[in-house]
Every structure is written in structure tokens, then in C-alpha cells.
Amino acid sequence: MSYLGVGVSPGNIAVYHGTNLKVIDRRVRVVELVLRCLICALGVVAAVLVGTDTQVKEIFSIQKKAKFTNMKALVFLVTANGIAALYSLVQGVRCVVGMVNGSVLFSKPLAWLIFSGDQLIAYLTVAAVASAAQSAVFAKLGQPELQWMKICNLYGKFCNQVGEGIASALLASVSTVVLSCISAFSLFRLYSGNKAKDGARS
């Protein structure tokens, strides 16, 4: 909530601004909560799709099982999305508590911590998607120069489910990038708010 021109930013940080920005503050907090819930859901979906994906093929009377642990990029993808989902869940709870209480304000160090956490998760998820996508291209198209065969010709079901997981992870990573921008806006608006407050005193 906002009183006497004092608003609460998406990170629950006290910000001094005009009355017209109070509605914007509330909308930004709602957008932040929606994004965190979306990241949590997409991260879980991506981790489950890739982590549970297996397919067994019989090659020359020998059964070979394809699973995500056979490719380090997929292990990285599952781990990164699991971390992102857990982090988003914790931050989502923080957002709900802040929106319910309204008057709870966080300090600058905590605002920096939230901002840094969002940035780290954004970099982590983007890197994981890029790595998994590159490996998926090699699995789909192969690399004749290095005599790498097209794995997806043998394990079609496995590759299709991995592709769905990468798509979910991509949406989650885009959401983390947008969320990191909102966190940056929230943090630096705190400092601009303090400048406005000092100017009003002088």
C-alpha cells in the first residue's frame, strides 16, 4: 500500500513518488508475482520433461538406453531449471507476503540481494538453454565432418520430449530476463526516490 506519497516497489522498497505512480507500483508488483509463478511452473515442466525422458533401442541385438544424463548439456539444463523454479517459489512467497502486508519495507542491501539473485538466475537459465539447444542441433543434424551420427534418427521419441523441455526452458529464461529488468527498475528507483526526497527537503 502507499501513504502520503510513499510507494512500495516490486521489491517492497520504500519509494517516494507522485500519486499517479501508486497504481503503477501495484501493477508492477502483480506483474512480478505472475512472472515468478510462470518461471516456477515452466522450470518444473522443463526439468520433469527432460529429467524423466528415456528411450530404449535395440541395436545389433544390444539394448541401448538414451537418457538425459548421457549429455552434460541436458544435465545442466535440468539443474538450472530446478534451481530457477525453487528460487522463484521462494521469491513468489516473498511477493505475496509483501502484497498482503503492504507496509513491509525492505532495506537497500536486501534490494541488492534480490536484484543480484534475479540477474544470476537469468544468466544461468539463458546459458543452460543455449548449451542444450546447441547439443540438440548436433543430435538432430549430426556432424559429418566429425563423423557424428544423427542420434534423433534412432531415438525420435527421446529427442521430441527433449525438444519440448527446451522450449519450456526457453520461455522460462525469457521470463527471467524480463524479471531481472523489473528488479533493476525497482532497485534504482529506490535511489531516485531518495534524491526526490532530499530535493523536497531542500
N, C-alpha and C. Protein backbone atom coordinates (compact mmCIF):
# COMPACT_ATOMS: atom_id res chain seq x y z
N MET A 1 0.83 -1.19 0.00
CA MET A 1 0.00 0.00 0.00
C MET A 1 0.87 1.25 0.00
N SER A 2 0.27 2.40 -0.29
CA SER A 2 1.02 3.64 -0.35
C SER A 2 0.31 4.70 0.48
N TYR A 3 1.08 5.46 1.25
CA TYR A 3 0.53 6.51 2.08
C TYR A 3 1.36 7.78 1.92
N LEU A 4 0.68 8.91 1.76
CA LEU A 4 1.32 10.22 1.74
C LEU A 4 2.45 10.29 0.72
N GLY A 5 2.22 9.69 -0.44
CA GLY A 5 3.21 9.76 -1.50
C GLY A 5 4.35 8.77 -1.38
N VAL A 6 4.25 7.86 -0.39
CA VAL A 6 5.29 6.86 -0.24
C VAL A 6 4.78 5.56 -0.83
N GLY A 7 5.47 5.02 -1.84
CA GLY A 7 5.03 3.79 -2.51
C GLY A 7 5.91 2.63 -2.15
N VAL A 8 5.47 1.46 -2.55
CA VAL A 8 6.24 0.24 -2.34
C VAL A 8 6.57 -0.35 -3.69
N SER A 9 7.85 -0.52 -3.98
CA SER A 9 8.29 -1.02 -5.27
C SER A 9 8.08 -2.52 -5.34
N PRO A 10 8.33 -3.16 -6.52
CA PRO A 10 8.17 -4.60 -6.65
C PRO A 10 8.99 -5.38 -5.63
N GLY A 11 10.10 -4.82 -5.17
CA GLY A 11 10.90 -5.48 -4.16
C GLY A 11 10.52 -5.06 -2.76
N ASN A 12 9.33 -4.44 -2.61
CA ASN A 12 8.86 -3.97 -1.32
C ASN A 12 9.82 -2.95 -0.71
N ILE A 13 10.26 -1.99 -1.51
CA ILE A 13 11.20 -0.98 -1.08
C ILE A 13 10.50 0.38 -1.09
N ALA A 14 10.72 1.15 -0.06
CA ALA A 14 10.05 2.44 0.04
C ALA A 14 10.54 3.37 -1.06
N VAL A 15 9.63 3.95 -1.79
CA VAL A 15 9.97 4.86 -2.88
C VAL A 15 9.05 6.06 -2.80
N TYR A 16 9.60 7.26 -2.86
CA TYR A 16 8.82 8.47 -2.80
C TYR A 16 8.50 8.93 -4.21
N HIS A 17 7.22 9.09 -4.50
CA HIS A 17 6.83 9.48 -5.85
C HIS A 17 5.45 10.12 -5.79
N GLY A 18 4.99 10.55 -6.93
CA GLY A 18 3.70 11.20 -7.01
C GLY A 18 2.56 10.22 -6.90
N THR A 19 1.37 10.79 -6.71
CA THR A 19 0.18 9.96 -6.53
C THR A 19 -0.11 9.14 -7.77
N ASN A 20 0.20 9.68 -8.94
CA ASN A 20 -0.12 8.98 -10.19
C ASN A 20 0.64 7.67 -10.35
N LEU A 21 1.76 7.51 -9.64
CA LEU A 21 2.57 6.31 -9.79
C LEU A 21 2.15 5.20 -8.84
N LYS A 22 1.22 5.47 -7.95
CA LYS A 22 0.81 4.44 -6.98
C LYS A 22 0.15 3.25 -7.69
N VAL A 23 -0.68 3.54 -8.67
CA VAL A 23 -1.34 2.47 -9.41
C VAL A 23 -0.30 1.66 -10.19
N ILE A 24 0.69 2.34 -10.75
CA ILE A 24 1.75 1.67 -11.50
C ILE A 24 2.52 0.74 -10.58
N ASP A 25 2.80 1.20 -9.34
CA ASP A 25 3.51 0.35 -8.38
C ASP A 25 2.77 -0.95 -8.13
N ARG A 26 1.48 -0.86 -7.94
CA ARG A 26 0.69 -2.06 -7.67
C ARG A 26 0.69 -3.00 -8.87
N ARG A 27 0.58 -2.43 -10.06
CA ARG A 27 0.58 -3.26 -11.27
C ARG A 27 1.92 -3.95 -11.48
N VAL A 28 3.00 -3.25 -11.20
CA VAL A 28 4.33 -3.83 -11.35
C VAL A 28 4.52 -4.98 -10.38
N ARG A 29 4.02 -4.83 -9.16
CA ARG A 29 4.12 -5.91 -8.18
C ARG A 29 3.34 -7.14 -8.65
N VAL A 30 2.19 -6.92 -9.27
CA VAL A 30 1.40 -8.04 -9.78
C VAL A 30 2.13 -8.73 -10.93
N VAL A 31 2.73 -7.93 -11.81
CA VAL A 31 3.49 -8.50 -12.93
C VAL A 31 4.67 -9.32 -12.42
N GLU A 32 5.34 -8.81 -11.39
CA GLU A 32 6.47 -9.55 -10.81
C GLU A 32 6.02 -10.90 -10.26
N LEU A 33 4.91 -10.90 -9.54
CA LEU A 33 4.40 -12.15 -8.97
C LEU A 33 4.00 -13.14 -10.06
N VAL A 34 3.36 -12.64 -11.11
CA VAL A 34 2.95 -13.52 -12.21
C VAL A 34 4.17 -14.12 -12.90
N LEU A 35 5.19 -13.32 -13.12
CA LEU A 35 6.41 -13.81 -13.76
C LEU A 35 7.10 -14.85 -12.90
N ARG A 36 7.16 -14.63 -11.61
CA ARG A 36 7.82 -15.60 -10.73
C ARG A 36 7.06 -16.92 -10.71
N CYS A 37 5.75 -16.85 -10.70
CA CYS A 37 4.94 -18.08 -10.75
C CYS A 37 5.13 -18.79 -12.09
N LEU A 38 5.21 -18.00 -13.17
CA LEU A 38 5.41 -18.57 -14.50
C LEU A 38 6.76 -19.26 -14.61
N ILE A 39 7.80 -18.61 -14.10
CA ILE A 39 9.14 -19.20 -14.13
C ILE A 39 9.19 -20.49 -13.33
N CYS A 40 8.53 -20.48 -12.17
CA CYS A 40 8.49 -21.67 -11.34
C CYS A 40 7.82 -22.83 -12.07
N ALA A 41 6.67 -22.56 -12.67
CA ALA A 41 5.93 -23.61 -13.37
C ALA A 41 6.69 -24.12 -14.59
N LEU A 42 7.21 -23.20 -15.42
CA LEU A 42 7.94 -23.60 -16.62
C LEU A 42 9.24 -24.32 -16.28
N GLY A 43 9.90 -23.88 -15.22
CA GLY A 43 11.13 -24.54 -14.79
C GLY A 43 10.88 -25.98 -14.37
N VAL A 44 9.79 -26.18 -13.63
CA VAL A 44 9.44 -27.54 -13.20
C VAL A 44 9.09 -28.41 -14.41
N VAL A 45 8.31 -27.85 -15.33
CA VAL A 45 7.92 -28.60 -16.54
C VAL A 45 9.15 -29.00 -17.35
N ALA A 46 10.07 -28.05 -17.54
CA ALA A 46 11.28 -28.34 -18.31
C ALA A 46 12.13 -29.42 -17.64
N ALA A 47 12.30 -29.29 -16.33
CA ALA A 47 13.12 -30.26 -15.60
C ALA A 47 12.49 -31.65 -15.62
N VAL A 48 11.17 -31.70 -15.49
CA VAL A 48 10.49 -33.00 -15.49
C VAL A 48 10.52 -33.64 -16.88
N LEU A 49 10.25 -32.85 -17.91
CA LEU A 49 10.24 -33.38 -19.28
C LEU A 49 11.59 -33.98 -19.66
N VAL A 50 12.65 -33.23 -19.37
CA VAL A 50 13.99 -33.70 -19.74
C VAL A 50 14.48 -34.77 -18.78
N GLY A 51 14.26 -34.55 -17.49
CA GLY A 51 14.78 -35.48 -16.49
C GLY A 51 14.15 -36.86 -16.51
N THR A 52 12.91 -36.95 -16.95
CA THR A 52 12.23 -38.25 -16.98
C THR A 52 12.23 -38.90 -18.36
N ASP A 53 12.87 -38.25 -19.31
CA ASP A 53 12.86 -38.74 -20.69
C ASP A 53 13.85 -39.88 -20.88
N THR A 54 13.34 -41.02 -21.34
CA THR A 54 14.19 -42.17 -21.66
C THR A 54 13.62 -42.90 -22.87
N GLN A 55 14.47 -43.59 -23.58
CA GLN A 55 14.03 -44.43 -24.69
C GLN A 55 15.06 -45.54 -24.90
N VAL A 56 14.55 -46.74 -25.06
CA VAL A 56 15.42 -47.90 -25.25
C VAL A 56 15.32 -48.36 -26.71
N LYS A 57 16.48 -48.57 -27.33
CA LYS A 57 16.55 -49.06 -28.70
C LYS A 57 17.46 -50.30 -28.75
N GLU A 58 17.09 -51.24 -29.58
CA GLU A 58 17.92 -52.43 -29.75
C GLU A 58 18.75 -52.28 -31.01
N ILE A 59 20.07 -52.22 -30.82
CA ILE A 59 21.00 -52.04 -31.92
C ILE A 59 21.92 -53.24 -31.98
N PHE A 60 21.81 -54.01 -33.08
CA PHE A 60 22.61 -55.22 -33.24
C PHE A 60 22.46 -56.15 -32.03
N SER A 61 21.19 -56.39 -31.66
CA SER A 61 20.85 -57.28 -30.54
C SER A 61 21.32 -56.77 -29.18
N ILE A 62 21.74 -55.52 -29.14
CA ILE A 62 22.17 -54.91 -27.87
C ILE A 62 21.24 -53.75 -27.55
N GLN A 63 20.65 -53.78 -26.37
CA GLN A 63 19.74 -52.71 -25.96
C GLN A 63 20.53 -51.51 -25.44
N LYS A 64 20.24 -50.37 -26.00
CA LYS A 64 20.89 -49.13 -25.57
C LYS A 64 19.81 -48.16 -25.12
N LYS A 65 20.01 -47.58 -23.95
CA LYS A 65 19.03 -46.68 -23.35
C LYS A 65 19.52 -45.24 -23.41
N ALA A 66 18.69 -44.38 -23.97
CA ALA A 66 19.01 -42.95 -24.03
C ALA A 66 18.36 -42.24 -22.84
N LYS A 67 19.12 -41.44 -22.14
CA LYS A 67 18.60 -40.67 -21.01
C LYS A 67 19.37 -39.36 -20.90
N PHE A 68 18.83 -38.43 -20.15
CA PHE A 68 19.40 -37.08 -20.16
C PHE A 68 20.80 -37.04 -19.56
N THR A 69 21.14 -37.99 -18.70
CA THR A 69 22.48 -38.00 -18.10
C THR A 69 23.57 -38.35 -19.10
N ASN A 70 23.18 -38.81 -20.28
CA ASN A 70 24.17 -39.12 -21.31
C ASN A 70 24.74 -37.86 -21.95
N MET A 71 24.09 -36.73 -21.72
CA MET A 71 24.51 -35.47 -22.32
C MET A 71 24.64 -34.41 -21.23
N LYS A 72 25.85 -33.89 -21.04
CA LYS A 72 26.09 -32.93 -19.95
C LYS A 72 25.25 -31.67 -20.09
N ALA A 73 24.98 -31.26 -21.32
CA ALA A 73 24.18 -30.06 -21.54
C ALA A 73 22.76 -30.23 -20.99
N LEU A 74 22.21 -31.44 -21.11
CA LEU A 74 20.87 -31.70 -20.59
C LEU A 74 20.88 -31.77 -19.07
N VAL A 75 21.96 -32.29 -18.50
CA VAL A 75 22.10 -32.30 -17.04
C VAL A 75 22.14 -30.87 -16.51
N PHE A 76 22.88 -30.03 -17.21
CA PHE A 76 22.95 -28.61 -16.86
C PHE A 76 21.58 -27.95 -16.96
N LEU A 77 20.83 -28.30 -18.01
CA LEU A 77 19.50 -27.72 -18.23
C LEU A 77 18.55 -28.11 -17.09
N VAL A 78 18.55 -29.38 -16.72
CA VAL A 78 17.67 -29.85 -15.65
C VAL A 78 18.04 -29.17 -14.32
N THR A 79 19.34 -29.11 -14.04
CA THR A 79 19.80 -28.49 -12.79
C THR A 79 19.45 -27.01 -12.74
N ALA A 80 19.72 -26.30 -13.83
CA ALA A 80 19.47 -24.86 -13.87
C ALA A 80 17.98 -24.55 -13.70
N ASN A 81 17.13 -25.31 -14.36
CA ASN A 81 15.69 -25.06 -14.25
C ASN A 81 15.14 -25.46 -12.89
N GLY A 82 15.74 -26.48 -12.28
CA GLY A 82 15.35 -26.82 -10.92
C GLY A 82 15.69 -25.71 -9.94
N ILE A 83 16.88 -25.15 -10.09
CA ILE A 83 17.30 -24.03 -9.23
C ILE A 83 16.41 -22.82 -9.46
N ALA A 84 16.13 -22.52 -10.73
CA ALA A 84 15.28 -21.37 -11.07
C ALA A 84 13.87 -21.52 -10.50
N ALA A 85 13.33 -22.74 -10.57
CA ALA A 85 11.99 -22.99 -10.05
C ALA A 85 11.94 -22.81 -8.54
N LEU A 86 12.94 -23.35 -7.84
CA LEU A 86 12.98 -23.22 -6.39
C LEU A 86 13.16 -21.77 -5.96
N TYR A 87 14.07 -21.07 -6.64
CA TYR A 87 14.30 -19.66 -6.33
C TYR A 87 13.05 -18.83 -6.57
N SER A 88 12.37 -19.09 -7.67
CA SER A 88 11.15 -18.34 -8.00
C SER A 88 10.04 -18.62 -7.00
N LEU A 89 9.98 -19.85 -6.50
CA LEU A 89 8.98 -20.18 -5.49
C LEU A 89 9.20 -19.38 -4.21
N VAL A 90 10.46 -19.32 -3.78
CA VAL A 90 10.79 -18.57 -2.56
C VAL A 90 10.48 -17.09 -2.75
N GLN A 91 10.90 -16.53 -3.89
CA GLN A 91 10.65 -15.12 -4.16
C GLN A 91 9.17 -14.84 -4.37
N GLY A 92 8.44 -15.81 -4.92
CA GLY A 92 6.99 -15.64 -5.07
C GLY A 92 6.30 -15.53 -3.74
N VAL A 93 6.73 -16.34 -2.77
CA VAL A 93 6.17 -16.26 -1.42
C VAL A 93 6.47 -14.89 -0.81
N ARG A 94 7.70 -14.40 -1.05
CA ARG A 94 8.05 -13.07 -0.56
C ARG A 94 7.14 -11.99 -1.15
N CYS A 95 6.86 -12.11 -2.44
CA CYS A 95 5.99 -11.15 -3.10
C CYS A 95 4.58 -11.17 -2.50
N VAL A 96 4.06 -12.37 -2.28
CA VAL A 96 2.71 -12.49 -1.71
C VAL A 96 2.65 -11.87 -0.34
N VAL A 97 3.66 -12.17 0.50
CA VAL A 97 3.69 -11.61 1.86
C VAL A 97 3.77 -10.09 1.81
N GLY A 98 4.61 -9.57 0.89
CA GLY A 98 4.74 -8.12 0.77
C GLY A 98 3.46 -7.47 0.30
N MET A 99 2.74 -8.11 -0.63
CA MET A 99 1.49 -7.54 -1.13
C MET A 99 0.39 -7.59 -0.07
N VAL A 100 0.39 -8.64 0.74
CA VAL A 100 -0.63 -8.75 1.79
C VAL A 100 -0.38 -7.74 2.90
N ASN A 101 0.88 -7.67 3.36
CA ASN A 101 1.20 -6.75 4.45
C ASN A 101 1.22 -5.30 3.99
N GLY A 102 1.72 -5.06 2.82
CA GLY A 102 1.71 -3.70 2.27
C GLY A 102 2.73 -2.78 2.88
N SER A 103 2.76 -2.69 4.18
CA SER A 103 3.62 -1.73 4.87
C SER A 103 5.02 -2.28 5.11
N VAL A 104 5.28 -3.54 4.77
CA VAL A 104 6.60 -4.12 4.99
C VAL A 104 7.57 -3.57 3.95
N LEU A 105 8.67 -2.97 4.41
CA LEU A 105 9.65 -2.37 3.51
C LEU A 105 10.99 -3.06 3.69
N PHE A 106 11.69 -3.32 2.59
CA PHE A 106 13.00 -3.96 2.66
C PHE A 106 14.10 -2.91 2.55
N SER A 107 15.26 -3.25 3.08
CA SER A 107 16.40 -2.33 3.06
C SER A 107 17.11 -2.38 1.71
N LYS A 108 18.02 -1.44 1.51
CA LYS A 108 18.79 -1.42 0.27
C LYS A 108 19.65 -2.68 0.10
N PRO A 109 20.34 -3.15 1.15
CA PRO A 109 21.11 -4.39 0.97
C PRO A 109 20.25 -5.56 0.50
N LEU A 110 19.04 -5.68 1.04
CA LEU A 110 18.15 -6.76 0.62
C LEU A 110 17.67 -6.54 -0.82
N ALA A 111 17.47 -5.27 -1.18
CA ALA A 111 17.08 -4.96 -2.56
C ALA A 111 18.18 -5.36 -3.53
N TRP A 112 19.44 -5.09 -3.15
CA TRP A 112 20.56 -5.51 -3.98
C TRP A 112 20.65 -7.03 -4.05
N LEU A 113 20.34 -7.71 -2.95
CA LEU A 113 20.39 -9.16 -2.93
C LEU A 113 19.36 -9.76 -3.89
N ILE A 114 18.15 -9.20 -3.88
CA ILE A 114 17.09 -9.68 -4.79
C ILE A 114 17.48 -9.40 -6.24
N PHE A 115 18.00 -8.22 -6.49
CA PHE A 115 18.43 -7.85 -7.83
C PHE A 115 19.54 -8.79 -8.33
N SER A 116 20.53 -9.05 -7.47
CA SER A 116 21.65 -9.92 -7.84
C SER A 116 21.17 -11.34 -8.08
N GLY A 117 20.24 -11.81 -7.24
CA GLY A 117 19.69 -13.15 -7.41
C GLY A 117 18.95 -13.30 -8.73
N ASP A 118 18.15 -12.30 -9.07
CA ASP A 118 17.41 -12.35 -10.34
C ASP A 118 18.36 -12.32 -11.54
N GLN A 119 19.42 -11.52 -11.43
CA GLN A 119 20.40 -11.47 -12.51
C GLN A 119 21.10 -12.81 -12.68
N LEU A 120 21.48 -13.42 -11.56
CA LEU A 120 22.18 -14.70 -11.61
C LEU A 120 21.30 -15.79 -12.23
N ILE A 121 20.04 -15.83 -11.83
CA ILE A 121 19.12 -16.83 -12.38
C ILE A 121 18.91 -16.61 -13.88
N ALA A 122 18.83 -15.35 -14.28
CA ALA A 122 18.66 -15.04 -15.71
C ALA A 122 19.85 -15.55 -16.52
N TYR A 123 21.07 -15.24 -16.05
CA TYR A 123 22.27 -15.71 -16.75
C TYR A 123 22.33 -17.23 -16.77
N LEU A 124 21.97 -17.85 -15.65
CA LEU A 124 22.04 -19.31 -15.53
C LEU A 124 21.09 -19.99 -16.51
N THR A 125 19.86 -19.53 -16.57
CA THR A 125 18.87 -20.17 -17.45
C THR A 125 19.16 -19.93 -18.92
N VAL A 126 19.62 -18.74 -19.26
CA VAL A 126 19.97 -18.45 -20.65
C VAL A 126 21.14 -19.32 -21.11
N ALA A 127 22.15 -19.45 -20.24
CA ALA A 127 23.30 -20.28 -20.58
C ALA A 127 22.89 -21.75 -20.75
N ALA A 128 22.00 -22.22 -19.87
CA ALA A 128 21.56 -23.61 -19.94
C ALA A 128 20.78 -23.89 -21.23
N VAL A 129 19.91 -22.96 -21.62
CA VAL A 129 19.14 -23.13 -22.85
C VAL A 129 20.05 -23.10 -24.07
N ALA A 130 21.00 -22.18 -24.08
CA ALA A 130 21.92 -22.08 -25.22
C ALA A 130 22.73 -23.36 -25.38
N SER A 131 23.22 -23.89 -24.25
CA SER A 131 24.01 -25.11 -24.29
C SER A 131 23.18 -26.30 -24.76
N ALA A 132 21.97 -26.43 -24.21
CA ALA A 132 21.10 -27.55 -24.59
C ALA A 132 20.66 -27.44 -26.05
N ALA A 133 20.39 -26.23 -26.52
CA ALA A 133 19.96 -26.04 -27.90
C ALA A 133 21.07 -26.43 -28.88
N GLN A 134 22.30 -26.07 -28.54
CA GLN A 134 23.42 -26.43 -29.41
C GLN A 134 23.58 -27.95 -29.48
N SER A 135 23.47 -28.61 -28.34
CA SER A 135 23.58 -30.07 -28.32
C SER A 135 22.43 -30.72 -29.08
N ALA A 136 21.24 -30.11 -28.98
CA ALA A 136 20.08 -30.65 -29.68
C ALA A 136 20.26 -30.56 -31.19
N VAL A 137 20.88 -29.49 -31.65
CA VAL A 137 21.13 -29.33 -33.10
C VAL A 137 22.07 -30.43 -33.60
N PHE A 138 23.12 -30.69 -32.81
CA PHE A 138 24.05 -31.76 -33.20
C PHE A 138 23.36 -33.11 -33.21
N ALA A 139 22.47 -33.34 -32.22
CA ALA A 139 21.76 -34.62 -32.16
C ALA A 139 20.78 -34.77 -33.32
N LYS A 140 20.21 -33.66 -33.75
CA LYS A 140 19.23 -33.69 -34.84
C LYS A 140 19.89 -33.78 -36.22
N LEU A 141 20.92 -32.96 -36.43
CA LEU A 141 21.54 -32.86 -37.75
C LEU A 141 22.84 -33.64 -37.88
N GLY A 142 23.45 -33.97 -36.74
CA GLY A 142 24.72 -34.65 -36.78
C GLY A 142 25.86 -33.72 -37.20
N GLN A 143 27.05 -34.28 -37.32
CA GLN A 143 28.21 -33.50 -37.77
C GLN A 143 29.08 -34.41 -38.63
N PRO A 144 28.80 -34.46 -39.95
CA PRO A 144 29.52 -35.39 -40.85
C PRO A 144 31.04 -35.23 -40.79
N GLU A 145 31.52 -33.98 -40.65
CA GLU A 145 32.96 -33.76 -40.63
C GLU A 145 33.64 -34.48 -39.47
N LEU A 146 32.91 -34.62 -38.35
CA LEU A 146 33.46 -35.29 -37.18
C LEU A 146 32.92 -36.71 -37.04
N GLN A 147 32.14 -37.14 -38.04
CA GLN A 147 31.54 -38.47 -38.04
C GLN A 147 30.58 -38.67 -36.87
N TRP A 148 29.85 -37.59 -36.53
CA TRP A 148 28.81 -37.68 -35.50
C TRP A 148 27.50 -38.00 -36.19
N MET A 149 26.88 -39.09 -35.82
CA MET A 149 25.66 -39.52 -36.47
C MET A 149 24.45 -38.73 -35.95
N LYS A 150 23.36 -38.81 -36.70
CA LYS A 150 22.12 -38.15 -36.30
C LYS A 150 21.39 -39.03 -35.27
N ILE A 151 21.59 -38.70 -34.01
CA ILE A 151 21.05 -39.52 -32.92
C ILE A 151 19.52 -39.55 -32.95
N CYS A 152 18.92 -38.46 -33.36
CA CYS A 152 17.46 -38.38 -33.35
C CYS A 152 16.81 -39.32 -34.36
N ASN A 153 17.58 -39.78 -35.34
CA ASN A 153 17.03 -40.77 -36.26
C ASN A 153 16.79 -42.10 -35.56
N LEU A 154 17.55 -42.35 -34.50
CA LEU A 154 17.39 -43.58 -33.73
C LEU A 154 16.46 -43.41 -32.54
N TYR A 155 16.57 -42.27 -31.89
CA TYR A 155 15.79 -42.01 -30.67
C TYR A 155 14.85 -40.82 -30.90
N GLY A 156 13.87 -41.05 -31.77
CA GLY A 156 12.94 -39.97 -32.12
C GLY A 156 12.10 -39.50 -30.96
N LYS A 157 11.52 -40.41 -30.19
CA LYS A 157 10.68 -40.04 -29.04
C LYS A 157 11.48 -39.28 -28.00
N PHE A 158 12.68 -39.74 -27.75
CA PHE A 158 13.56 -39.08 -26.77
C PHE A 158 13.84 -37.64 -27.19
N CYS A 159 14.18 -37.46 -28.45
CA CYS A 159 14.51 -36.12 -28.95
C CYS A 159 13.30 -35.19 -28.94
N ASN A 160 12.13 -35.73 -29.26
CA ASN A 160 10.93 -34.89 -29.26
C ASN A 160 10.61 -34.38 -27.86
N GLN A 161 10.73 -35.24 -26.86
CA GLN A 161 10.44 -34.80 -25.48
C GLN A 161 11.50 -33.83 -24.98
N VAL A 162 12.74 -34.06 -25.35
CA VAL A 162 13.80 -33.10 -25.01
C VAL A 162 13.51 -31.75 -25.64
N GLY A 163 13.04 -31.76 -26.89
CA GLY A 163 12.70 -30.51 -27.56
C GLY A 163 11.60 -29.75 -26.83
N GLU A 164 10.61 -30.48 -26.33
CA GLU A 164 9.54 -29.84 -25.55
C GLU A 164 10.10 -29.24 -24.26
N GLY A 165 11.03 -29.95 -23.64
CA GLY A 165 11.65 -29.44 -22.42
C GLY A 165 12.47 -28.19 -22.68
N ILE A 166 13.20 -28.18 -23.79
CA ILE A 166 14.00 -27.00 -24.15
C ILE A 166 13.09 -25.80 -24.45
N ALA A 167 11.96 -26.06 -25.09
CA ALA A 167 11.01 -24.98 -25.38
C ALA A 167 10.47 -24.37 -24.08
N SER A 168 10.14 -25.21 -23.11
CA SER A 168 9.67 -24.71 -21.82
C SER A 168 10.77 -23.93 -21.11
N ALA A 169 11.99 -24.45 -21.20
CA ALA A 169 13.12 -23.77 -20.57
C ALA A 169 13.39 -22.42 -21.24
N LEU A 170 13.19 -22.36 -22.55
CA LEU A 170 13.38 -21.09 -23.27
C LEU A 170 12.38 -20.04 -22.79
N LEU A 171 11.13 -20.43 -22.64
CA LEU A 171 10.12 -19.49 -22.14
C LEU A 171 10.46 -19.04 -20.72
N ALA A 172 10.95 -19.98 -19.91
CA ALA A 172 11.34 -19.64 -18.54
C ALA A 172 12.50 -18.66 -18.54
N SER A 173 13.48 -18.87 -19.42
CA SER A 173 14.65 -17.98 -19.46
C SER A 173 14.28 -16.58 -19.93
N VAL A 174 13.37 -16.49 -20.90
CA VAL A 174 12.89 -15.17 -21.35
C VAL A 174 12.19 -14.45 -20.20
N SER A 175 11.42 -15.19 -19.42
CA SER A 175 10.72 -14.60 -18.27
C SER A 175 11.71 -14.11 -17.22
N THR A 176 12.81 -14.85 -17.02
CA THR A 176 13.80 -14.41 -16.04
C THR A 176 14.50 -13.13 -16.48
N VAL A 177 14.71 -12.99 -17.79
CA VAL A 177 15.33 -11.77 -18.30
C VAL A 177 14.41 -10.57 -18.07
N VAL A 178 13.12 -10.74 -18.37
CA VAL A 178 12.15 -9.66 -18.14
C VAL A 178 12.08 -9.33 -16.65
N LEU A 179 12.09 -10.36 -15.82
CA LEU A 179 12.02 -10.15 -14.37
C LEU A 179 13.25 -9.44 -13.84
N SER A 180 14.41 -9.75 -14.40
CA SER A 180 15.63 -9.07 -13.95
C SER A 180 15.58 -7.58 -14.28
N CYS A 181 14.93 -7.23 -15.38
CA CYS A 181 14.75 -5.82 -15.74
C CYS A 181 13.83 -5.13 -14.74
N ILE A 182 12.79 -5.83 -14.31
CA ILE A 182 11.88 -5.26 -13.32
C ILE A 182 12.59 -5.06 -11.99
N SER A 183 13.44 -6.02 -11.61
CA SER A 183 14.21 -5.89 -10.37
C SER A 183 15.17 -4.72 -10.43
N ALA A 184 15.78 -4.52 -11.60
CA ALA A 184 16.68 -3.37 -11.77
C ALA A 184 15.92 -2.07 -11.65
N PHE A 185 14.73 -2.01 -12.26
CA PHE A 185 13.89 -0.82 -12.17
C PHE A 185 13.51 -0.54 -10.72
N SER A 186 13.17 -1.60 -10.00
CA SER A 186 12.77 -1.46 -8.60
C SER A 186 13.93 -0.95 -7.75
N LEU A 187 15.12 -1.50 -7.98
CA LEU A 187 16.28 -1.11 -7.18
C LEU A 187 16.69 0.33 -7.43
N PHE A 188 16.86 0.70 -8.68
CA PHE A 188 17.37 2.02 -8.99
C PHE A 188 16.32 3.10 -8.79
N ARG A 189 15.05 2.74 -8.79
CA ARG A 189 14.01 3.70 -8.45
C ARG A 189 14.10 4.08 -6.98
N LEU A 190 14.61 3.17 -6.16
CA LEU A 190 14.82 3.47 -4.74
C LEU A 190 15.77 4.64 -4.56
N TYR A 191 16.85 4.63 -5.34
CA TYR A 191 17.83 5.71 -5.24
C TYR A 191 17.29 7.01 -5.83
N SER A 192 16.54 6.93 -6.91
CA SER A 192 15.95 8.14 -7.47
C SER A 192 14.89 8.69 -6.53
N GLY A 193 14.22 7.79 -5.78
CA GLY A 193 13.24 8.25 -4.81
C GLY A 193 13.88 9.02 -3.67
N ASN A 194 15.07 8.55 -3.26
CA ASN A 194 15.78 9.25 -2.19
C ASN A 194 16.24 10.62 -2.63
N LYS A 195 16.62 10.74 -3.92
CA LYS A 195 17.02 12.04 -4.45
C LYS A 195 15.85 13.01 -4.44
N ALA A 196 14.67 12.47 -4.83
CA ALA A 196 13.48 13.32 -4.84
C ALA A 196 13.13 13.77 -3.43
N LYS A 197 13.32 12.88 -2.47
CA LYS A 197 13.02 13.21 -1.08
C LYS A 197 13.96 14.29 -0.57
N ASP A 198 15.26 14.17 -0.90
CA ASP A 198 16.24 15.16 -0.48
C ASP A 198 15.97 16.51 -1.13
N GLY A 199 15.53 16.49 -2.40
CA GLY A 199 15.21 17.72 -3.09
C GLY A 199 14.03 18.42 -2.47
N ALA A 200 13.04 17.64 -2.01
CA ALA A 200 11.86 18.24 -1.39
C ALA A 200 12.21 18.90 -0.06
N ARG A 201 13.18 18.30 0.68
CA ARG A 201 13.60 18.89 1.94
C ARG A 201 14.32 20.20 1.75
N SER A 202 15.16 20.26 0.69
CA SER A 202 15.90 21.49 0.42
C SER A 202 15.00 22.53 -0.23
